[in-house]
Structure formats: C-alpha cells, structure tokens
Protein backbone atom coordinates (compact mmCIF):
# COMPACT_ATOMS: atom_id res chain seq x y z
CA MET A 1 -4.94 -12.03 -18.71
CA SER A 2 -4.68 -15.60 -19.98
CA ASP A 3 -5.03 -17.19 -16.54
CA LYS A 4 -7.92 -19.53 -15.91
CA ILE A 5 -10.14 -18.30 -13.09
CA GLY A 6 -12.33 -20.60 -11.05
CA PHE A 7 -15.14 -19.81 -8.61
CA ILE A 8 -16.37 -21.96 -5.76
CA GLY A 9 -19.92 -20.67 -5.41
CA GLY A 10 -22.06 -19.06 -8.07
CA GLY A 11 -24.09 -16.57 -6.04
CA ALA A 12 -24.69 -12.85 -6.51
CA LEU A 13 -21.15 -11.75 -5.61
CA ALA A 14 -19.52 -14.33 -7.85
CA GLU A 15 -21.81 -13.26 -10.69
CA ALA A 16 -20.88 -9.61 -10.14
CA VAL A 17 -17.19 -10.49 -10.52
CA ILE A 18 -17.89 -12.62 -13.59
CA SER A 19 -19.92 -9.81 -15.17
CA GLY A 20 -17.10 -7.37 -14.53
CA ILE A 21 -14.17 -9.43 -15.81
CA THR A 22 -15.70 -11.30 -18.74
CA ASN A 23 -14.22 -9.97 -21.99
CA LYS A 24 -12.47 -7.16 -20.08
CA LEU A 25 -9.84 -9.11 -18.19
CA THR A 26 -10.25 -12.56 -19.70
CA GLU A 27 -12.38 -14.49 -22.15
CA ALA A 28 -15.48 -16.37 -21.02
CA GLU A 29 -13.87 -19.68 -21.91
CA ASN A 30 -11.27 -19.10 -19.17
CA ILE A 31 -13.87 -18.74 -16.40
CA PHE A 32 -15.13 -21.76 -14.43
CA VAL A 33 -17.79 -21.93 -11.73
CA SER A 34 -18.94 -24.62 -9.33
CA ASP A 35 -22.40 -24.27 -7.80
CA HIS A 36 -24.54 -26.85 -6.04
CA LYS A 37 -27.62 -26.11 -8.14
CA GLN A 38 -27.78 -27.20 -11.77
CA ILE A 39 -30.34 -24.52 -12.59
CA ARG A 40 -27.91 -21.84 -11.38
CA CYS A 41 -25.11 -23.34 -13.47
CA ASP A 42 -27.36 -23.23 -16.51
CA GLU A 43 -28.26 -19.58 -15.84
CA LEU A 44 -24.61 -18.52 -15.63
CA THR A 45 -23.64 -20.51 -18.70
CA GLN A 46 -26.43 -19.04 -20.80
CA LYS A 47 -25.90 -15.48 -19.61
CA TYR A 48 -22.10 -15.23 -19.75
CA ARG A 49 -21.05 -18.22 -21.91
CA ILE A 50 -18.72 -19.38 -19.14
CA ASN A 51 -18.17 -22.92 -17.87
CA ALA A 52 -20.40 -23.78 -14.90
CA TYR A 53 -20.77 -27.17 -13.23
CA VAL A 54 -22.21 -28.92 -10.20
CA GLY A 55 -18.96 -29.97 -8.55
CA VAL A 56 -15.35 -28.92 -9.04
CA ASP A 57 -13.62 -31.99 -10.41
CA SER A 58 -13.81 -30.95 -14.06
CA PHE A 59 -11.71 -27.80 -13.55
CA ILE A 60 -10.26 -27.54 -10.04
CA ASN A 61 -6.80 -28.86 -10.96
CA ASP A 62 -6.48 -26.56 -13.95
CA VAL A 63 -7.30 -23.04 -12.68
CA ASP A 64 -4.61 -20.45 -11.96
CA ILE A 65 -6.74 -18.29 -9.65
CA LEU A 66 -9.39 -19.84 -7.43
CA ILE A 67 -11.98 -17.51 -5.89
CA ILE A 68 -13.87 -18.86 -2.90
CA ALA A 69 -17.28 -17.16 -3.00
CA VAL A 70 -19.51 -19.23 -0.73
CA LYS A 71 -21.54 -18.20 2.30
CA PRO A 72 -19.55 -18.02 5.55
CA LYS A 73 -21.30 -21.10 6.97
CA ASP A 74 -20.22 -23.14 3.93
CA ALA A 75 -16.57 -22.05 3.81
CA VAL A 76 -15.04 -24.83 5.89
CA ALA A 77 -16.80 -27.56 3.90
CA ALA A 78 -15.76 -25.94 0.61
CA MET A 79 -12.11 -25.61 1.60
CA THR A 80 -12.03 -29.15 2.95
CA GLU A 81 -13.36 -30.46 -0.35
CA ILE A 82 -10.85 -28.69 -2.57
CA LYS A 83 -7.66 -28.46 -0.50
CA ASN A 84 -6.08 -31.57 -2.02
CA LYS A 85 -7.37 -31.04 -5.55
CA ILE A 86 -5.96 -27.71 -6.68
CA LYS A 87 -2.73 -27.48 -8.64
CA ALA A 88 0.53 -26.50 -6.99
CA ASP A 89 0.81 -22.93 -8.29
CA SER A 90 -2.80 -21.82 -7.89
CA ILE A 91 -3.56 -18.53 -6.12
CA ILE A 92 -6.38 -18.64 -3.56
CA VAL A 93 -8.66 -15.61 -3.23
CA SER A 94 -11.47 -15.46 -0.66
CA VAL A 95 -14.41 -13.07 -0.81
CA VAL A 96 -16.07 -14.74 2.20
CA ALA A 97 -17.02 -12.18 4.85
CA GLY A 98 -15.31 -12.79 8.18
CA LEU A 99 -13.03 -15.58 6.96
CA ALA A 100 -9.50 -14.81 8.20
CA ILE A 101 -6.35 -15.34 6.14
CA SER A 102 -4.95 -17.57 8.89
CA ASP A 103 -7.99 -19.85 8.59
CA ILE A 104 -7.62 -20.03 4.81
CA GLU A 105 -3.88 -20.72 5.07
CA SER A 106 -4.57 -23.61 7.45
CA TYR A 107 -6.12 -25.39 4.46
CA PHE A 108 -3.72 -24.06 1.81
CA SER A 109 -0.45 -23.72 3.71
CA ASP A 110 1.76 -23.66 0.61
CA LYS A 111 -0.37 -21.36 -1.54
CA PRO A 112 -0.51 -17.58 -2.02
CA VAL A 113 -3.70 -16.47 -0.24
CA PHE A 114 -5.63 -13.23 -0.56
CA ARG A 115 -8.67 -11.98 1.30
CA VAL A 116 -10.72 -9.43 -0.58
CA MET A 117 -13.94 -7.54 0.03
CA PRO A 118 -15.46 -6.03 -3.12
CA ASN A 119 -18.87 -4.49 -3.55
CA VAL A 120 -21.55 -5.23 -6.10
CA ALA A 121 -20.58 -2.29 -8.35
CA ILE A 122 -17.78 -4.47 -9.73
CA SER A 123 -20.46 -5.79 -12.09
CA VAL A 124 -20.40 -2.44 -13.93
CA GLY A 125 -16.67 -1.79 -13.58
CA GLU A 126 -17.03 0.71 -10.74
CA GLY A 127 -16.43 -1.47 -7.72
CA MET A 128 -14.45 -0.72 -4.59
CA THR A 129 -12.35 -3.59 -3.28
CA GLY A 130 -10.29 -3.94 -0.14
CA LEU A 131 -7.47 -6.50 -0.33
CA SER A 132 -5.28 -8.17 2.29
CA VAL A 133 -2.27 -10.34 1.47
CA GLY A 134 -1.28 -13.70 2.95
CA SER A 135 2.18 -14.77 4.03
CA LYS A 136 3.11 -16.78 0.91
CA ALA A 137 2.18 -14.21 -1.76
CA SER A 138 4.98 -12.90 -3.97
CA THR A 139 5.17 -9.46 -5.54
CA SER A 140 4.09 -11.03 -8.82
CA ASP A 141 1.08 -12.64 -7.13
CA ILE A 142 0.11 -9.34 -5.51
CA ASN A 143 0.35 -7.44 -8.79
CA LYS A 144 -1.73 -10.07 -10.57
CA ILE A 145 -4.55 -10.00 -8.01
CA LYS A 146 -4.52 -6.21 -7.77
CA SER A 147 -4.76 -6.06 -11.55
CA LEU A 148 -7.79 -8.35 -11.50
CA TRP A 149 -9.74 -6.21 -9.06
CA SER A 150 -8.53 -2.91 -10.52
CA THR A 151 -10.00 -3.97 -13.87
CA ILE A 152 -13.48 -3.76 -12.34
CA GLY A 153 -13.09 -0.62 -10.23
CA ARG A 154 -10.65 0.55 -7.59
CA CYS A 155 -8.59 -1.63 -5.27
CA VAL A 156 -6.80 -0.72 -2.04
CA GLU A 157 -4.47 -2.94 -0.02
CA VAL A 158 -5.13 -2.83 3.73
CA ASP A 159 -4.01 -4.61 6.85
CA GLU A 160 -6.32 -7.54 7.49
CA LYS A 161 -7.49 -6.09 10.81
CA LEU A 162 -9.30 -3.40 8.75
CA MET A 163 -11.24 -5.84 6.56
CA ASP A 164 -14.31 -5.75 8.79
CA ALA A 165 -14.33 -1.96 8.44
CA ILE A 166 -14.00 -2.33 4.65
CA THR A 167 -17.00 -4.67 4.78
CA GLY A 168 -19.04 -2.19 6.80
CA LEU A 169 -18.19 0.82 4.61
CA SER A 170 -17.69 -0.12 0.97
CA GLY A 171 -18.72 -3.78 1.02
CA SER A 172 -22.19 -2.92 2.30
CA GLY A 173 -22.10 0.68 1.09
CA SER A 174 -23.75 0.05 -2.28
CA ALA A 175 -26.94 -0.81 -0.40
CA TYR A 176 -26.77 2.48 1.48
CA ALA A 177 -26.35 4.31 -1.84
CA PHE A 178 -29.31 2.47 -3.38
CA LEU A 179 -31.41 3.48 -0.39
CA MET A 180 -30.34 7.12 -0.76
CA ILE A 181 -31.13 7.11 -4.48
CA ASP A 182 -34.56 5.66 -3.79
CA ALA A 183 -35.24 8.21 -1.05
CA LEU A 184 -34.10 11.13 -3.21
CA ALA A 185 -36.29 9.86 -6.02
CA ASP A 186 -39.25 9.66 -3.65
CA GLY A 187 -38.60 13.27 -2.74
CA GLY A 188 -38.58 14.16 -6.42
CA VAL A 189 -41.88 12.38 -6.95
CA ALA A 190 -43.31 14.20 -3.92
CA VAL A 191 -42.58 17.55 -5.59
CA GLY A 192 -43.99 16.54 -8.96
CA LEU A 193 -41.32 14.67 -10.95
CA PRO A 194 -42.21 11.48 -12.84
CA ARG A 195 -40.75 8.38 -11.13
CA ALA A 196 -38.38 7.35 -13.92
CA LYS A 197 -36.94 10.85 -14.29
CA ALA A 198 -36.62 11.22 -10.52
CA ILE A 199 -34.57 8.00 -10.28
CA GLU A 200 -32.34 9.09 -13.16
CA LEU A 201 -31.79 12.50 -11.60
CA ALA A 202 -31.00 11.03 -8.19
CA ALA A 203 -28.65 8.32 -9.49
CA GLN A 204 -26.68 10.64 -11.77
CA THR A 205 -26.41 13.23 -9.01
CA LEU A 206 -24.77 10.72 -6.66
CA LEU A 207 -22.54 9.42 -9.47
CA GLY A 208 -21.40 12.94 -10.34
CA ALA A 209 -20.75 13.87 -6.72
CA ALA A 210 -18.68 10.71 -6.22
CA LYS A 211 -16.59 11.42 -9.32
CA MET A 212 -15.92 14.97 -8.12
CA VAL A 213 -14.58 13.64 -4.81
CA LEU A 214 -12.35 11.03 -6.48
CA GLN A 215 -11.04 13.21 -9.28
CA SER A 216 -10.57 16.49 -7.41
CA GLY A 217 -8.94 15.04 -4.30
CA GLU A 218 -10.76 17.68 -2.26
CA HIS A 219 -12.51 16.91 1.00
CA PRO A 220 -16.28 16.39 0.59
CA ASP A 221 -16.93 19.28 2.99
CA VAL A 222 -14.96 21.64 0.71
CA LEU A 223 -16.93 20.54 -2.33
CA ARG A 224 -20.21 20.89 -0.43
CA ASP A 225 -19.31 24.44 0.60
CA LYS A 226 -18.72 25.33 -3.05
CA VAL A 227 -22.35 24.54 -3.93
CA THR A 228 -23.93 25.87 -0.74
CA SER A 229 -24.84 29.53 -1.20
CA PRO A 230 -25.80 31.73 1.76
CA ALA A 231 -29.55 31.57 2.42
CA GLY A 232 -29.98 29.34 -0.65
CA THR A 233 -31.84 26.16 -1.46
CA THR A 234 -28.94 23.78 -0.80
CA ILE A 235 -28.23 24.93 2.76
CA GLU A 236 -31.92 24.58 3.51
CA GLY A 237 -31.80 20.97 2.33
CA VAL A 238 -28.57 20.27 4.22
CA ARG A 239 -30.08 21.79 7.36
CA THR A 240 -33.03 19.44 7.07
CA LEU A 241 -30.76 16.42 6.60
CA GLU A 242 -28.84 17.36 9.74
CA LYS A 243 -32.06 17.83 11.73
CA CYS A 244 -33.22 14.36 10.64
CA GLY A 245 -29.93 12.75 11.65
CA VAL A 246 -28.95 11.46 8.21
CA ARG A 247 -25.22 11.89 8.88
CA SER A 248 -25.46 10.05 12.20
CA ALA A 249 -27.57 7.29 10.65
CA LEU A 250 -24.95 6.62 7.97
CA ILE A 251 -22.16 6.55 10.56
CA GLU A 252 -24.14 4.08 12.67
CA ALA A 253 -24.87 1.93 9.61
CA VAL A 254 -21.15 1.52 8.89
CA ILE A 255 -20.43 0.70 12.55
CA ALA A 256 -23.29 -1.82 12.73
CA ALA A 257 -22.24 -3.57 9.51
CA THR A 258 -18.62 -3.68 10.70
CA ASN A 259 -19.66 -5.25 14.00
CA LYS A 260 -21.79 -7.80 12.15
CA SER A 261 -18.80 -8.74 10.00
CA LYS A 262 -16.74 -9.28 13.16
CA SER A 263 -19.43 -11.54 14.58
CA LEU A 264 -19.24 -13.87 11.57
CA LYS A 265 -15.85 -15.20 12.67
C-alpha cells in the first residue's frame, strides 16, 4: 500500500497498529503521528523510524487514511481541530471506544468513515478487529480498510450496534488471555516447573488451542471432547475449572466490558 497513513494520538493502541503495519503494509516513511508529548514523538520516531510530531499541521492535509486514536474524552477536541484541515479524499478511521459513526460523520460529513475495534495482538500480526462502515464509504474504501486490518490479523465487518460487544470480547479479550496464561503458569510453578518454562508452556498451549479452533472450524466443545479421556487428567482439570466458576467468570467479564463500552458514549 502506497497510501500515507496518519494517526491522531500516539498511545499504546496506535503503537500496536504502527508495529503491525510498518514494513508489512507500508513503509515507515508513509506513517505520520501526532501526539501532545514531544518525548512520546521521539520514542516512536526512534523505535519505528516513522514521522511523529507535536501537532498535525505538518502532515494532516497530505494523508490518505487518518486514524483517530485518542482517549474517548479527547475525541471531540481532536475532531474539532482537524475537521477543516484534512484533504478532500481522506478516509477517516476511528479506534476510539464508544465513539459512534454518526458522531464522527457530524464532523466529517463528506468523508468515508469507519469505526474499528482491534486488539493489542495486531502488534504481532495476530489481531482481531471488528469494523463498521459509515454512510459515505465506497466498495473501494471498504476493501482498502479491510486490507489494512487484515494485514495485521483477522477482520470482520459487523453492524455498528455490535461494536460494544466486539469491545467486550475481542477488544478487551487479550487481557483475559494474558491473565489466563499467567494463572496457568502459576499452576505450573506450583507443581514444580521453572517460571520461564511454565510461561512458555502456557502461552503456546493457548496459541495452539486457538489455531485449532480457527483452522478446523469445529466447535470448541468438540475439540475439548477429543482430548478429554474418561477418568483422565484433563476431565479432572476441567471439573475443577467448572467448580471454580471459570466459565461463568469469563462470560461475566465480556458482559461487564461491553456495558462499560456502552457507558462511554
């Protein structure tokens, strides 16, 4: 992709996208970031060799895709600042939790607008992104934005009313997975494994299980049954997880995160 991509906001999510797309989708010289802290701009420039500035004026009227990646409380101020500065054919992409397409389009009424919710695994090319499309986006625009996010993982288009659920499940889900890896590793340490090996074993086990689900197309319950022998070790572990309410806790975590996303509006 030869398009120039700009970011409003240089926080952790913006960095994850930059890490994922640099030299895979586009060259570093085509990536521009605006952040309010000079020290953060310097960090991003040194780490990724991209263009990072305090302020947007040096690049805002030259980017083809503009990604708004600020905190929800800062979104209105950011959109107000840039609405009259971007070029006519720019595509607007928001990764701001809780920010509706209708709100974005009120600032960019003539622009193609997309609302996306990725997760942090985009930084290693294994992200999961939900995408909703605004009223002015063409088929070409949709294909271009889907291609961007598909470069750094998987991308699914959903109705905007499901974006809060995407936030609660996959957007926040990496944190749930990190917690599970840490807990499994603690269990390994408790039964005698060295910490580093326990973390590696736990992380690769979750990675392998996830790949089996995605590649086989089988329901997770079917795959679980295939490795759960009668009166064996696995069913004993599963039984303990059920007694401790792990399944219910994960369900409630997704619901709670979804409700929090709704409250950000």
